[in-house]
């Protein structure tokens, strides 16, 4: 599969391209970016032959079969529509767009063409997330009561941030940049829609640098999440059921833990079992770390699935509709933070605030 990537920012350079390097039947043959220095650096690093200063020229390359849209969110739909019009298969990063009307335009156009389209919710493909979903579906935890998730980073302290990521109106802030991943994760794990949401954000040098979010799912489950770009790296989920608790960290190979409701966290046998679990997982964990770790592997699995869907003409699992629903939740969270009250997701404003 000959691939093109539009946008050579951090996600492309540190996530997509390293993942694609290890897929035997995928080859990135073209990249495009408006920044010539960034374009050359990324293309040189990954030995990519065709380099374009504009995405339209890349889309005219007949060898490119599928493209990844990794540009700032305000340009997602423009580039994605052009890719579909050019007959390319499409992987588009989240958030899908900045408003629901743009999402609907893209969804409607995708229905009219034969090209496959998917949204880059890589956490759906994380090994531990997949295992957690299976455990939930088996009923091991009993009826689910509560969900807690955390997605934080120190990116604003470690490196310069593009200006668009500083403002809500251009798709910046943690509710769009980080929250969209976990809003989709809530739906993916619980197989239920988000009904009502309440968000509080902290903004100093930029909009929504940190946020706390609480929500009620349509099936009654209560969810709470924290997001920040001003602290340390963490990405975890904890599910509380009437029969047990499940915890997983997307950054730790040995983190999946499932215990019954009668187990005490400090119990000596519980702690010994955790040590045993780490030792058991260590050989494969070390091997995966040599290949970039479970997080990079989630991007490889995402691409593997997308390529399989193209080659076998099967539906993609992470659809444009899924992207729209995650955006609808993010917009409701932004509205809630602005109004300082809970917002019903189905009644949320259709444009970023």
Protein backbone atom coordinates (compact mmCIF):
# COMPACT_ATOMS: atom_id res chain seq x y z
CA UNK A 1 0.00 0.00 0.00
CA UNK A 2 1.53 3.29 -1.13
CA UNK A 3 0.76 6.05 1.38
CA UNK A 4 1.00 9.82 1.53
CA UNK A 5 0.99 11.92 4.69
CA UNK A 6 -0.27 15.50 4.64
CA UNK A 7 1.18 17.52 7.51
CA UNK A 8 4.61 16.83 9.04
CA UNK A 9 3.98 17.95 12.62
CA UNK A 10 4.67 16.12 15.86
CA UNK A 11 2.04 13.38 15.40
CA UNK A 12 3.39 12.53 11.96
CA UNK A 13 7.05 12.58 12.94
CA UNK A 14 6.87 10.83 16.31
CA UNK A 15 3.85 8.53 15.95
CA UNK A 16 2.56 7.74 12.45
CA UNK A 17 5.83 7.47 10.54
CA UNK A 18 7.68 5.41 13.19
CA UNK A 19 4.68 3.05 13.29
CA UNK A 20 4.48 2.75 9.52
CA UNK A 21 8.20 2.01 9.25
CA UNK A 22 7.54 -1.42 10.78
CA UNK A 23 4.61 -2.39 8.55
CA UNK A 24 5.99 -4.64 5.83
CA UNK A 25 3.21 -4.04 3.32
CA UNK A 26 2.96 -0.26 3.75
CA UNK A 27 5.28 2.33 2.25
CA UNK A 28 5.10 6.09 2.74
CA UNK A 29 6.06 7.44 -0.66
CA UNK A 30 5.02 11.08 -0.29
CA UNK A 31 4.69 13.81 2.34
CA UNK A 32 3.43 17.39 2.16
CA UNK A 33 3.85 20.39 4.45
CA UNK A 34 3.80 24.16 3.99
CA UNK A 35 6.95 24.54 6.14
CA UNK A 36 9.90 23.67 3.83
CA UNK A 37 12.36 23.10 6.67
CA UNK A 38 10.04 20.74 8.51
CA UNK A 39 9.17 18.98 5.27
CA UNK A 40 12.81 18.35 4.43
CA UNK A 41 13.74 17.25 7.95
CA UNK A 42 10.93 14.71 8.23
CA UNK A 43 11.32 13.42 4.67
CA UNK A 44 15.08 13.01 5.13
CA UNK A 45 14.68 11.24 8.45
CA UNK A 46 12.27 8.67 7.02
CA UNK A 47 13.82 8.54 3.53
CA UNK A 48 10.65 9.64 1.72
CA UNK A 49 11.20 10.46 -1.94
CA UNK A 50 8.28 12.67 -2.94
CA UNK A 51 8.02 15.97 -1.05
CA UNK A 52 5.42 18.63 -1.70
CA UNK A 53 4.84 22.14 -0.42
CA UNK A 54 1.08 21.82 -0.90
CA UNK A 55 -1.31 18.94 -0.42
CA UNK A 56 -3.05 19.32 -3.78
CA UNK A 57 0.14 18.36 -5.61
CA UNK A 58 0.55 15.28 -3.41
CA UNK A 59 -3.01 14.22 -4.22
CA UNK A 60 -2.16 14.32 -7.93
CA UNK A 61 0.55 11.68 -7.43
CA UNK A 62 -0.97 8.54 -9.02
CA UNK A 63 1.13 6.14 -6.95
CA UNK A 64 -0.43 7.35 -3.68
CA UNK A 65 -3.35 5.08 -2.77
CA UNK A 66 -4.22 6.36 0.70
CA UNK A 67 -3.43 9.49 2.70
CA UNK A 68 -3.25 10.51 6.33
CA UNK A 69 -4.56 14.00 7.11
CA UNK A 70 -2.44 15.33 9.96
CA UNK A 71 -2.88 19.08 9.51
CA UNK A 72 -4.37 21.50 12.10
CA UNK A 73 -8.08 20.78 12.74
CA UNK A 74 -9.40 23.86 10.96
CA UNK A 75 -8.09 22.38 7.69
CA UNK A 76 -9.15 18.75 8.25
CA UNK A 77 -12.32 18.80 6.20
CA UNK A 78 -10.89 20.85 3.32
CA UNK A 79 -8.00 18.43 2.88
CA UNK A 80 -10.11 15.32 3.50
CA UNK A 81 -12.70 16.33 0.89
CA UNK A 82 -9.95 16.94 -1.64
CA UNK A 83 -8.45 13.52 -0.86
CA UNK A 84 -11.78 11.77 -1.41
CA UNK A 85 -12.32 13.74 -4.63
CA UNK A 86 -8.90 12.55 -5.78
CA UNK A 87 -9.93 8.92 -5.20
CA UNK A 88 -7.65 8.37 -2.19
CA UNK A 89 -8.49 6.30 0.87
CA UNK A 90 -8.53 8.51 3.96
CA UNK A 91 -7.25 8.35 7.53
CA UNK A 92 -8.03 11.63 9.27
CA UNK A 93 -6.72 12.65 12.66
CA UNK A 94 -9.00 13.81 15.45
CA UNK A 95 -10.84 16.05 16.08
CA UNK A 96 -12.68 15.38 12.85
CA UNK A 97 -13.57 19.07 12.37
CA UNK A 98 -14.40 22.19 14.38
CA UNK A 99 -18.17 22.00 13.98
CA UNK A 100 -20.81 19.38 13.26
CA UNK A 101 -21.85 20.93 9.96
CA UNK A 102 -18.36 20.32 8.56
CA UNK A 103 -18.48 16.75 9.87
CA UNK A 104 -21.77 16.18 8.08
CA UNK A 105 -20.34 17.53 4.80
CA UNK A 106 -17.46 15.08 5.01
CA UNK A 107 -19.65 12.14 6.02
CA UNK A 108 -22.06 12.78 3.18
CA UNK A 109 -19.23 13.03 0.63
CA UNK A 110 -17.65 9.81 1.90
CA UNK A 111 -20.92 7.98 1.28
CA UNK A 112 -20.74 8.93 -2.40
CA UNK A 113 -17.31 7.45 -3.13
CA UNK A 114 -15.72 4.01 -2.95
CA UNK A 115 -12.76 5.14 -0.86
CA UNK A 116 -12.45 3.93 2.72
CA UNK A 117 -12.38 6.55 5.48
CA UNK A 118 -11.40 6.20 9.14
CA UNK A 119 -10.66 8.48 12.11
CA UNK A 120 -7.36 8.21 13.98
CA UNK A 121 -8.55 7.08 17.39
CA UNK A 122 -5.44 4.98 18.05
CA UNK A 123 -6.47 4.13 21.63
CA UNK A 124 -9.09 1.77 20.19
CA UNK A 125 -6.15 -0.32 18.98
CA UNK A 126 -4.07 -0.25 22.14
CA UNK A 127 -3.42 -3.79 23.33
CA UNK A 128 -4.53 -3.16 26.92
CA UNK A 129 -7.60 -1.18 25.90
CA UNK A 130 -8.69 -4.09 23.70
CA UNK A 131 -8.22 -6.49 26.61
CA UNK A 132 -10.11 -4.18 28.96
CA UNK A 133 -13.03 -4.04 26.54
CA UNK A 134 -13.14 -7.84 26.35
CA UNK A 135 -13.16 -8.10 30.15
CA UNK A 136 -16.06 -5.62 30.37
CA UNK A 137 -18.02 -7.43 27.67
CA UNK A 138 -17.54 -10.80 29.41
CA UNK A 139 -19.25 -9.34 32.47
CA UNK A 140 -16.26 -9.98 34.74
CA UNK A 141 -16.74 -6.62 36.47
CA UNK A 142 -20.50 -6.97 36.75
CA UNK A 143 -22.67 -3.93 36.01
CA UNK A 144 -20.43 -0.89 35.53
CA UNK A 145 -20.90 1.97 37.98
CA UNK A 146 -18.02 4.38 37.43
CA UNK A 147 -15.20 5.17 34.99
CA UNK A 148 -12.14 7.32 35.68
CA UNK A 149 -9.65 8.32 32.99
CA UNK A 150 -6.53 10.50 32.91
CA UNK A 151 -4.69 11.93 29.91
CA UNK A 152 -1.94 14.41 30.75
CA UNK A 153 1.38 15.57 29.36
CA UNK A 154 4.04 18.18 29.95
CA UNK A 155 4.25 19.22 26.32
CA UNK A 156 3.78 22.93 27.04
CA UNK A 157 6.78 22.83 29.36
CA UNK A 158 8.99 20.79 27.02
CA UNK A 159 8.58 22.36 23.61
CA UNK A 160 7.06 25.21 21.65
CA UNK A 161 3.41 24.80 20.70
CA UNK A 162 1.98 25.86 17.33
CA UNK A 163 -0.24 28.91 17.70
CA UNK A 164 -3.42 27.10 16.62
CA UNK A 165 -3.16 24.85 19.70
CA UNK A 166 -3.50 27.86 22.00
CA UNK A 167 -7.05 28.81 21.00
CA UNK A 168 -10.39 27.02 21.13
CA UNK A 169 -11.53 28.57 17.89
CA UNK A 170 -8.76 26.81 15.96
CA UNK A 171 -9.17 23.46 17.72
CA UNK A 172 -6.70 24.04 20.53
CA UNK A 173 -7.01 23.27 24.21
CA UNK A 174 -7.17 19.95 26.00
CA UNK A 175 -10.88 19.35 25.39
CA UNK A 176 -10.20 19.03 21.66
CA UNK A 177 -6.57 17.90 21.61
CA UNK A 178 -6.69 15.33 24.45
CA UNK A 179 -10.34 15.01 25.41
CA UNK A 180 -11.45 13.82 21.97
CA UNK A 181 -9.40 10.64 22.43
CA UNK A 182 -11.03 9.79 25.75
CA UNK A 183 -14.52 10.88 24.75
CA UNK A 184 -14.27 8.21 22.05
CA UNK A 185 -12.72 5.81 24.56
CA UNK A 186 -15.74 6.18 26.87
CA UNK A 187 -18.04 5.16 24.01
CA UNK A 188 -15.75 2.37 22.83
CA UNK A 189 -15.41 0.71 26.24
CA UNK A 190 -18.97 1.18 27.48
CA UNK A 191 -20.85 0.80 24.17
CA UNK A 192 -23.04 3.73 25.16
CA UNK A 193 -23.43 7.38 24.18
CA UNK A 194 -22.59 10.41 26.32
CA UNK A 195 -25.77 12.01 27.59
CA UNK A 196 -24.74 14.93 29.80
CA UNK A 197 -21.41 16.61 30.54
CA UNK A 198 -19.93 19.18 32.90
CA UNK A 199 -16.46 20.67 32.40
CA UNK A 200 -14.21 23.09 34.26
CA UNK A 201 -11.05 24.36 32.57
CA UNK A 202 -7.98 26.30 33.58
CA UNK A 203 -6.58 28.84 31.12
CA UNK A 204 -3.54 31.00 31.70
CA UNK A 205 -1.23 31.47 28.71
CA UNK A 206 -3.60 29.58 26.40
CA UNK A 207 -7.19 28.35 26.31
CA UNK A 208 -8.04 25.22 28.29
CA UNK A 209 -4.55 24.12 29.35
CA UNK A 210 -6.10 21.80 31.95
CA UNK A 211 -9.61 20.47 32.51
CA UNK A 212 -11.74 18.25 34.68
CA UNK A 213 -14.79 16.66 33.07
CA UNK A 214 -17.66 14.66 34.52
CA UNK A 215 -20.36 12.99 32.48
CA UNK A 216 -23.33 10.66 32.55
CA UNK A 217 -23.60 8.00 29.87
CA UNK A 218 -26.94 6.97 28.38
CA UNK A 219 -26.68 3.65 30.23
CA UNK A 220 -26.33 5.50 33.57
CA UNK A 221 -22.57 5.03 34.08
CA UNK A 222 -20.85 8.05 35.62
CA UNK A 223 -17.49 9.12 34.15
CA UNK A 224 -14.82 11.52 35.31
CA UNK A 225 -11.69 12.52 33.38
CA UNK A 226 -8.80 14.91 33.86
CA UNK A 227 -6.76 16.41 31.04
CA UNK A 228 -3.71 18.65 31.11
CA UNK A 229 -0.77 19.72 28.94
CA UNK A 230 1.11 21.31 31.85
CA UNK A 231 2.12 18.39 34.03
CA UNK A 232 3.60 14.88 33.55
CA UNK A 233 2.76 12.18 31.01
CA UNK A 234 -0.04 9.81 31.95
CA UNK A 235 -2.74 7.97 30.02
CA UNK A 236 -4.87 5.56 32.00
CA UNK A 237 -8.36 4.22 32.49
CA UNK A 238 -10.04 2.69 35.54
CA UNK A 239 -13.40 0.90 35.42
CA UNK A 240 -15.40 0.24 38.57
CA UNK A 241 -18.07 -2.46 38.41
CA UNK A 242 -20.23 -3.98 41.11
CA UNK A 243 -18.14 -7.18 40.97
CA UNK A 244 -14.66 -5.76 40.46
CA UNK A 245 -12.27 -3.09 39.30
CA UNK A 246 -10.06 -2.84 36.22
CA UNK A 247 -7.10 -0.53 35.72
CA UNK A 248 -4.81 -0.03 32.71
CA UNK A 249 -2.14 2.50 31.79
CA UNK A 250 -1.43 2.94 28.09
CA UNK A 251 2.21 3.75 28.90
CA UNK A 252 3.01 0.65 31.01
CA UNK A 253 3.20 -2.82 29.49
CA UNK A 254 2.34 -4.58 32.79
CA UNK A 255 -0.40 -2.25 33.99
CA UNK A 256 -3.55 -4.25 33.26
CA UNK A 257 -5.05 -5.18 36.63
CA UNK A 258 -8.43 -6.76 37.26
CA UNK A 259 -9.47 -7.48 40.84
CA UNK A 260 -12.69 -8.53 42.53
CA UNK A 261 -14.73 -6.20 44.70
CA UNK A 262 -13.57 -8.08 47.80
CA UNK A 263 -9.86 -7.43 47.15
CA UNK A 264 -8.06 -4.78 49.19
CA UNK A 265 -5.42 -2.78 47.29
CA UNK A 266 -2.83 -3.12 50.08
CA UNK A 267 -3.35 -6.83 50.62
CA UNK A 268 0.00 -8.69 50.57
CA UNK A 269 -1.25 -11.36 48.16
CA UNK A 270 -2.57 -8.70 45.81
CA UNK A 271 0.83 -7.02 45.77
CA UNK A 272 2.63 -10.33 45.23
CA UNK A 273 0.34 -11.14 42.31
CA UNK A 274 1.21 -7.77 40.74
CA UNK A 275 4.92 -8.56 41.03
CA UNK A 276 4.31 -11.96 39.46
CA UNK A 277 2.31 -10.37 36.67
CA UNK A 278 5.14 -7.92 35.91
CA UNK A 279 7.70 -10.74 35.74
CA UNK A 280 5.44 -12.76 33.45
CA UNK A 281 4.87 -9.81 31.09
CA UNK A 282 8.49 -8.60 31.14
CA UNK A 283 9.96 -10.64 28.23
CA UNK A 284 7.28 -9.64 25.73
CA UNK A 285 7.15 -6.15 27.22
CA UNK A 286 10.88 -5.68 26.66
CA UNK A 287 10.51 -6.85 23.06
CA UNK A 288 7.65 -4.42 22.44
CA UNK A 289 9.65 -1.58 24.02
CA UNK A 290 12.46 -2.24 21.53
CA UNK A 291 9.85 -1.68 18.81
CA UNK A 292 8.60 1.59 20.30
CA UNK A 293 6.31 0.28 23.04
CA UNK A 294 2.59 -0.38 23.22
CA UNK A 295 1.66 3.18 22.35
CA UNK A 296 3.47 3.16 18.99
CA UNK A 297 2.09 -0.35 18.49
CA UNK A 298 -1.44 1.09 18.74
CA UNK A 299 -0.68 3.24 15.70
CA UNK A 300 0.71 0.23 13.84
CA UNK A 301 -2.45 -1.73 14.66
CA UNK A 302 -4.61 1.20 13.56
CA UNK A 303 -2.84 1.33 10.20
CA UNK A 304 -2.85 -2.46 9.88
CA UNK A 305 -6.63 -2.48 10.32
CA UNK A 306 -7.12 0.37 7.84
CA UNK A 307 -4.97 -1.29 5.17
CA UNK A 308 -6.77 -4.61 5.71
CA UNK A 309 -10.12 -2.85 5.25
CA UNK A 310 -8.90 -1.34 1.97
CA UNK A 311 -7.45 -4.59 0.63
CA UNK A 312 -10.36 -6.78 1.75
CA UNK A 313 -13.10 -4.19 1.13
CA UNK A 314 -14.47 -4.44 4.67
CA UNK A 315 -15.91 -1.66 6.90
CA UNK A 316 -13.56 0.33 9.10
CA UNK A 317 -14.10 0.09 12.86
CA UNK A 318 -13.40 3.75 13.68
CA UNK A 319 -15.80 5.61 11.42
CA UNK A 320 -16.38 9.23 10.48
CA UNK A 321 -19.59 8.99 12.51
CA UNK A 322 -17.49 8.04 15.54
CA UNK A 323 -15.39 11.14 14.89
CA UNK A 324 -18.53 13.25 14.76
CA UNK A 325 -19.84 11.90 18.06
CA UNK A 326 -16.52 12.55 19.82
CA UNK A 327 -16.52 16.11 18.48
CA UNK A 328 -20.11 16.59 19.68
CA UNK A 329 -19.00 15.65 23.19
CA UNK A 330 -15.99 17.99 22.98
CA UNK A 331 -18.21 20.86 21.84
CA UNK A 332 -20.60 20.18 24.70
CA UNK A 333 -17.67 20.20 27.13
CA UNK A 334 -16.46 23.55 25.74
CA UNK A 335 -19.99 24.95 26.07
CA UNK A 336 -20.24 23.66 29.62
CA UNK A 337 -16.92 25.25 30.55
CA UNK A 338 -18.08 28.55 29.07
CA UNK A 339 -21.52 28.50 30.73
CA UNK A 340 -20.27 26.88 33.96
CA UNK A 341 -23.13 24.42 34.02
CA UNK A 342 -23.94 20.91 32.83
CA UNK A 343 -24.90 20.56 29.17
CA UNK A 344 -26.89 17.82 27.45
CA UNK A 345 -24.71 16.60 24.61
CA UNK A 346 -27.50 16.34 22.04
CA UNK A 347 -28.41 19.98 22.62
CA UNK A 348 -24.86 21.33 22.57
CA UNK A 349 -23.83 24.20 20.34
CA UNK A 350 -22.62 23.02 16.93
CA UNK A 351 -19.67 25.42 16.77
CA UNK A 352 -16.58 25.86 18.91
CA UNK A 353 -16.85 28.61 21.50
